[in-house]
C-alpha atoms as a PDB file:
ATOM      1  CA  MET A   1       0.000   0.000   0.000  1.00  0.00           C
ATOM      2  CA  THR A   2       1.387   3.425  -0.971  1.00  0.00           C
ATOM      3  CA  ILE A   3       0.472   6.679   0.732  1.00  0.00           C
ATOM      4  CA  HIS A   4       0.588   9.929  -1.247  1.00  0.00           C
ATOM      5  CA  ALA A   5      -0.022  13.440  -0.022  1.00  0.00           C
ATOM      6  CA  HIS A   6      -2.783  15.357  -1.723  1.00  0.00           C
ATOM      7  CA  SER A   7      -1.434  17.205  -4.725  1.00  0.00           C
ATOM      8  CA  ALA A   8      -3.431  20.440  -4.371  1.00  0.00           C
ATOM      9  CA  GLU A   9      -1.270  23.464  -3.682  1.00  0.00           C
ATOM     10  CA  LEU A  10      -1.842  24.867  -0.209  1.00  0.00           C
ATOM     11  CA  ARG A  11      -0.487  28.373   0.187  1.00  0.00           C
ATOM     12  CA  LEU A  12       0.089  28.757   3.900  1.00  0.00           C
ATOM     13  CA  LYS A  13       2.699  31.429   3.341  1.00  0.00           C
ATOM     14  CA  PRO A  14       1.295  33.888   0.803  1.00  0.00           C
ATOM     15  CA  ILE A  15       3.273  36.748  -0.626  1.00  0.00           C
ATOM     16  CA  PHE A  16       5.098  38.850   1.893  1.00  0.00           C
ATOM     17  CA  HIS A  17       4.384  42.518   2.227  1.00  0.00           C
ATOM     18  CA  HIS A  18       4.610  44.780  -0.718  1.00  0.00           C
ATOM     19  CA  PRO A  19       6.734  47.758   0.407  1.00  0.00           C
ATOM     20  CA  GLY A  20       4.631  50.242  -1.524  1.00  0.00           C
ATOM     21  CA  LEU A  21       1.443  48.996   0.107  1.00  0.00           C
ATOM     22  CA  ALA A  22       2.693  48.450   3.648  1.00  0.00           C
ATOM     23  CA  GLY A  23       3.587  52.118   4.132  1.00  0.00           C
ATOM     24  CA  ASP A  24       0.097  53.475   3.420  1.00  0.00           C
ATOM     25  CA  ARG A  25      -1.836  52.883   6.662  1.00  0.00           C
ATOM     26  CA  ARG A  26      -5.115  54.188   5.246  1.00  0.00           C
ATOM     27  CA  ALA A  27      -4.865  51.799   2.278  1.00  0.00           C
ATOM     28  CA  ALA A  28      -3.948  48.967   4.642  1.00  0.00           C
ATOM     29  CA  LEU A  29      -7.058  49.597   6.750  1.00  0.00           C
ATOM     30  CA  ALA A  30      -9.189  49.871   3.599  1.00  0.00           C
ATOM     31  CA  ALA A  31      -7.830  46.551   2.326  1.00  0.00           C
ATOM     32  CA  LEU A  32      -8.894  44.829   5.546  1.00  0.00           C
ATOM     33  CA  ALA A  33     -12.274  46.554   5.698  1.00  0.00           C
ATOM     34  CA  ALA A  34     -12.998  45.492   2.102  1.00  0.00           C
ATOM     35  CA  HIS A  35     -13.123  41.870   3.269  1.00  0.00           C
ATOM     36  CA  LEU A  36     -15.924  42.492   5.781  1.00  0.00           C
ATOM     37  CA  PRO A  37     -18.852  42.030   3.340  1.00  0.00           C
ATOM     38  CA  VAL A  38     -17.272  38.827   2.041  1.00  0.00           C
ATOM     39  CA  LEU A  39     -16.529  37.391   5.493  1.00  0.00           C
ATOM     40  CA  THR A  40     -20.063  38.113   6.705  1.00  0.00           C
ATOM     41  CA  ASP A  41     -21.767  36.502   3.702  1.00  0.00           C
ATOM     42  CA  PRO A  42     -23.838  33.633   5.173  1.00  0.00           C
ATOM     43  CA  GLY A  43     -23.058  31.465   2.144  1.00  0.00           C
ATOM     44  CA  LEU A  44     -19.294  31.792   2.506  1.00  0.00           C
ATOM     45  CA  VAL A  45     -17.331  28.560   2.767  1.00  0.00           C
ATOM     46  CA  PHE A  46     -14.122  29.778   4.392  1.00  0.00           C
ATOM     47  CA  GLY A  47     -12.508  26.350   4.309  1.00  0.00           C
ATOM     48  CA  ALA A  48     -13.371  22.710   3.806  1.00  0.00           C
ATOM     49  CA  SER A  49     -12.046  19.375   4.968  1.00  0.00           C
ATOM     50  CA  THR A  50     -11.547  16.487   2.566  1.00  0.00           C
ATOM     51  CA  PRO A  51     -11.295  13.075   4.242  1.00  0.00           C
ATOM     52  CA  PRO A  52      -8.696  10.505   3.194  1.00  0.00           C
ATOM     53  CA  LYS A  53      -9.805   8.029   0.560  1.00  0.00           C
ATOM     54  CA  LEU A  54      -8.624   4.813  -0.974  1.00  0.00           C
ATOM     55  CA  GLY A  55      -8.183   5.032  -4.706  1.00  0.00           C
ATOM     56  CA  ALA A  56      -9.127   2.265  -7.123  1.00  0.00           C
ATOM     57  CA  ASP A  57      -5.420   1.445  -7.487  1.00  0.00           C
ATOM     58  CA  GLY A  58      -5.068   0.895  -3.722  1.00  0.00           C
ATOM     59  CA  VAL A  59      -3.267   4.197  -3.201  1.00  0.00           C
ATOM     60  CA  ILE A  60      -4.373   6.160  -0.141  1.00  0.00           C
ATOM     61  CA  VAL A  61      -4.913   9.831  -0.846  1.00  0.00           C
ATOM     62  CA  MET A  62      -4.422  11.641   2.436  1.00  0.00           C
ATOM     63  CA  GLY A  63      -7.130  13.923   3.707  1.00  0.00           C
ATOM     64  CA  HIS A  64      -6.509  17.628   3.897  1.00  0.00           C
ATOM     65  CA  PHE A  65      -8.050  20.959   4.769  1.00  0.00           C
ATOM     66  CA  SER A  66      -8.241  23.686   2.141  1.00  0.00           C
ATOM     67  CA  LEU A  67      -9.035  27.357   2.487  1.00  0.00           C
ATOM     68  CA  GLY A  68     -11.472  28.832  -0.017  1.00  0.00           C
ATOM     69  CA  PRO A  69     -10.562  31.586  -2.482  1.00  0.00           C
ATOM     70  CA  GLU A  70     -12.036  34.293  -0.239  1.00  0.00           C
ATOM     71  CA  ALA A  71      -9.863  33.138   2.662  1.00  0.00           C
ATOM     72  CA  MET A  72      -6.794  33.096   0.431  1.00  0.00           C
ATOM     73  CA  ALA A  73      -7.545  36.619  -0.821  1.00  0.00           C
ATOM     74  CA  PHE A  74      -7.864  37.764   2.793  1.00  0.00           C
ATOM     75  CA  MET A  75      -4.499  36.179   3.662  1.00  0.00           C
ATOM     76  CA  ASP A  76      -2.856  37.744   0.618  1.00  0.00           C
ATOM     77  CA  ASP A  77      -3.998  41.218   1.677  1.00  0.00           C
ATOM     78  CA  VAL A  78      -2.949  40.709   5.289  1.00  0.00           C
ATOM     79  CA  TYR A  79       0.576  39.910   4.111  1.00  0.00           C
ATOM     80  CA  ALA A  80       0.737  42.374   1.214  1.00  0.00           C
ATOM     81  CA  TYR A  81      -0.231  45.347   3.367  1.00  0.00           C
ATOM     82  CA  GLY A  82       2.289  44.517   6.091  1.00  0.00           C
ATOM     83  CA  TRP A  83      -0.093  43.457   8.851  1.00  0.00           C
ATOM     84  CA  VAL A  84       2.080  40.492   9.872  1.00  0.00           C
ATOM     85  CA  ARG A  85       4.804  41.737  12.184  1.00  0.00           C
ATOM     86  CA  ASP A  86       8.027  40.283  13.527  1.00  0.00           C
ATOM     87  CA  PHE A  87       7.679  39.915  17.308  1.00  0.00           C
ATOM     88  CA  ASP A  88       7.259  37.157  19.911  1.00  0.00           C
ATOM     89  CA  TRP A  89       3.689  36.430  18.901  1.00  0.00           C
ATOM     90  CA  VAL A  90       3.461  33.212  20.918  1.00  0.00           C
ATOM     91  CA  GLY A  91       4.536  34.945  24.118  1.00  0.00           C
ATOM     92  CA  TRP A  92       2.345  37.967  23.429  1.00  0.00           C
ATOM     93  CA  SER A  93      -0.713  35.781  22.761  1.00  0.00           C
ATOM     94  CA  HIS A  94      -0.494  34.527  26.366  1.00  0.00           C
ATOM     95  CA  THR A  95      -0.217  37.969  27.959  1.00  0.00           C
ATOM     96  CA  PRO A  96      -3.305  39.622  29.459  1.00  0.00           C
ATOM     97  CA  GLU A  97      -3.381  42.072  26.520  1.00  0.00           C
ATOM     98  CA  GLY A  98      -3.092  39.265  23.979  1.00  0.00           C
ATOM     99  CA  GLN A  99      -5.761  37.172  25.663  1.00  0.00           C
ATOM    100  CA  GLN A 100      -8.133  40.140  25.786  1.00  0.00           C
ATOM    101  CA  LEU A 101      -7.665  41.112  22.147  1.00  0.00           C
ATOM    102  CA  LEU A 102      -7.922  37.514  20.964  1.00  0.00           C
ATOM    103  CA  HIS A 103     -10.947  36.516  23.044  1.00  0.00           C
ATOM    104  CA  ASP A 104     -12.842  39.594  24.272  1.00  0.00           C
ATOM    105  CA  PRO A 105     -14.893  41.309  21.564  1.00  0.00           C
ATOM    106  CA  ALA A 106     -15.193  44.473  23.682  1.00  0.00           C
ATOM    107  CA  ALA A 107     -11.418  44.751  24.004  1.00  0.00           C
ATOM    108  CA  LEU A 108     -10.959  44.387  20.252  1.00  0.00           C
ATOM    109  CA  GLU A 109     -13.443  47.227  19.672  1.00  0.00           C
ATOM    110  CA  GLY A 110     -10.903  49.575  21.251  1.00  0.00           C
ATOM    111  CA  ALA A 111      -7.808  48.181  19.538  1.00  0.00           C
ATOM    112  CA  ASP A 112      -5.457  50.482  17.669  1.00  0.00           C
ATOM    113  CA  GLU A 113      -3.670  49.542  14.441  1.00  0.00           C
ATOM    114  CA  GLU A 114      -0.796  47.908  16.339  1.00  0.00           C
ATOM    115  CA  GLY A 115      -3.279  45.761  18.260  1.00  0.00           C
ATOM    116  CA  LEU A 116      -4.899  44.695  14.990  1.00  0.00           C
ATOM    117  CA  ALA A 117      -1.488  43.846  13.553  1.00  0.00           C
ATOM    118  CA  ARG A 118      -0.591  41.740  16.584  1.00  0.00           C
ATOM    119  CA  VAL A 119      -3.841  39.780  16.455  1.00  0.00           C
ATOM    120  CA  LEU A 120      -3.527  39.280  12.685  1.00  0.00           C
ATOM    121  CA  THR A 121       0.061  38.113  13.162  1.00  0.00           C
ATOM    122  CA  VAL A 122      -1.090  35.494  15.664  1.00  0.00           C
ATOM    123  CA  CYS A 123      -3.805  34.302  13.269  1.00  0.00           C
ATOM    124  CA  MET A 124      -1.488  34.072  10.267  1.00  0.00           C
ATOM    125  CA  ARG A 125       1.325  32.399  12.196  1.00  0.00           C
ATOM    126  CA  GLU A 126      -1.080  29.837  13.662  1.00  0.00           C
ATOM    127  CA  ALA A 127      -2.154  29.059  10.099  1.00  0.00           C
ATOM    128  CA  HIS A 128       1.413  27.988   9.309  1.00  0.00           C
ATOM    129  CA  TRP A 129       0.747  24.899  11.446  1.00  0.00           C
ATOM    130  CA  GLY A 130      -2.402  24.182   9.482  1.00  0.00           C
ATOM    131  CA  PRO A 131      -5.133  26.185   7.754  1.00  0.00           C
ATOM    132  CA  GLU A 132      -7.683  24.738  10.174  1.00  0.00           C
ATOM    133  CA  ALA A 133      -6.397  27.241  12.744  1.00  0.00           C
ATOM    134  CA  LEU A 134      -7.400  30.187  10.560  1.00  0.00           C
ATOM    135  CA  ASP A 135     -10.756  28.564   9.883  1.00  0.00           C
ATOM    136  CA  ALA A 136     -11.288  28.216  13.645  1.00  0.00           C
ATOM    137  CA  ARG A 137     -10.518  31.933  14.131  1.00  0.00           C
ATOM    138  CA  PHE A 138     -13.037  32.691  11.377  1.00  0.00           C
ATOM    139  CA  ARG A 139     -15.740  30.466  12.913  1.00  0.00           C
ATOM    140  CA  GLU A 140     -15.295  32.059  16.342  1.00  0.00           C
ATOM    141  CA  GLY A 141     -15.891  35.462  14.725  1.00  0.00           C
ATOM    142  CA  LEU A 142     -12.445  36.923  15.379  1.00  0.00           C
ATOM    143  CA  LEU A 143     -11.647  37.702  11.735  1.00  0.00           C
ATOM    144  CA  THR A 144     -14.985  39.424  11.223  1.00  0.00           C
ATOM    145  CA  ARG A 145     -14.444  41.520  14.362  1.00  0.00           C
ATOM    146  CA  LEU A 146     -10.954  42.449  13.124  1.00  0.00           C
ATOM    147  CA  MET A 147     -12.345  43.634   9.791  1.00  0.00           C
ATOM    148  CA  GLY A 148     -15.073  45.582  11.598  1.00  0.00           C
ATOM    149  CA  ARG A 149     -12.470  47.304  13.756  1.00  0.00           C
ATOM    150  CA  ALA A 150     -10.392  48.110  10.665  1.00  0.00           C
ATOM    151  CA  ARG A 151     -13.480  49.694   9.099  1.00  0.00           C
ATOM    152  CA  ALA A 152     -14.099  51.765  12.247  1.00  0.00           C
ATOM    153  CA  LEU A 153     -10.494  52.966  12.329  1.00  0.00           C
ATOM    154  CA  LEU A 154     -10.688  53.849   8.641  1.00  0.00           C
ATOM    155  CA  ARG A 155     -13.885  55.862   9.164  1.00  0.00           C
ATOM    156  CA  SER A 156     -12.289  57.739  12.072  1.00  0.00           C
ATOM    157  CA  ARG A 157      -9.548  58.914   9.712  1.00  0.00           C
ATOM    158  CA  ASN A 158     -12.018  60.586   7.339  1.00  0.00           C
END
């Protein structure tokens, strides 16, 4: 019996920031806010799991989890606009501030751009271990709250 990994490309590490985009904070907020209508669409399939299966030739095709195109577009913008930062995200995620921003919707409503960046960094870095982590953050409503906060910050700049 032979075991093969699924052949579909899984982009867990999308493009890194685009220097011309990362410097424009208003554009970066707008890019995040633009995903809010998509992420709140009740018909959205953010990601899907495919179970392992045995092929007719006896080859086992391993199961996998795939993010949908909307999720991939969201990830691309998060990276392209420089929202993923280089800091001790694991340590920070266990601090009182990190726990509040990650789990308390009221705390996230008052987050500044740096707070958004830290939470997005945690989400994207967790996804490196498997896209299911990002899907879990979506299902718990964190990504939608992040986009809502980005929209509020953008409106306050007008």
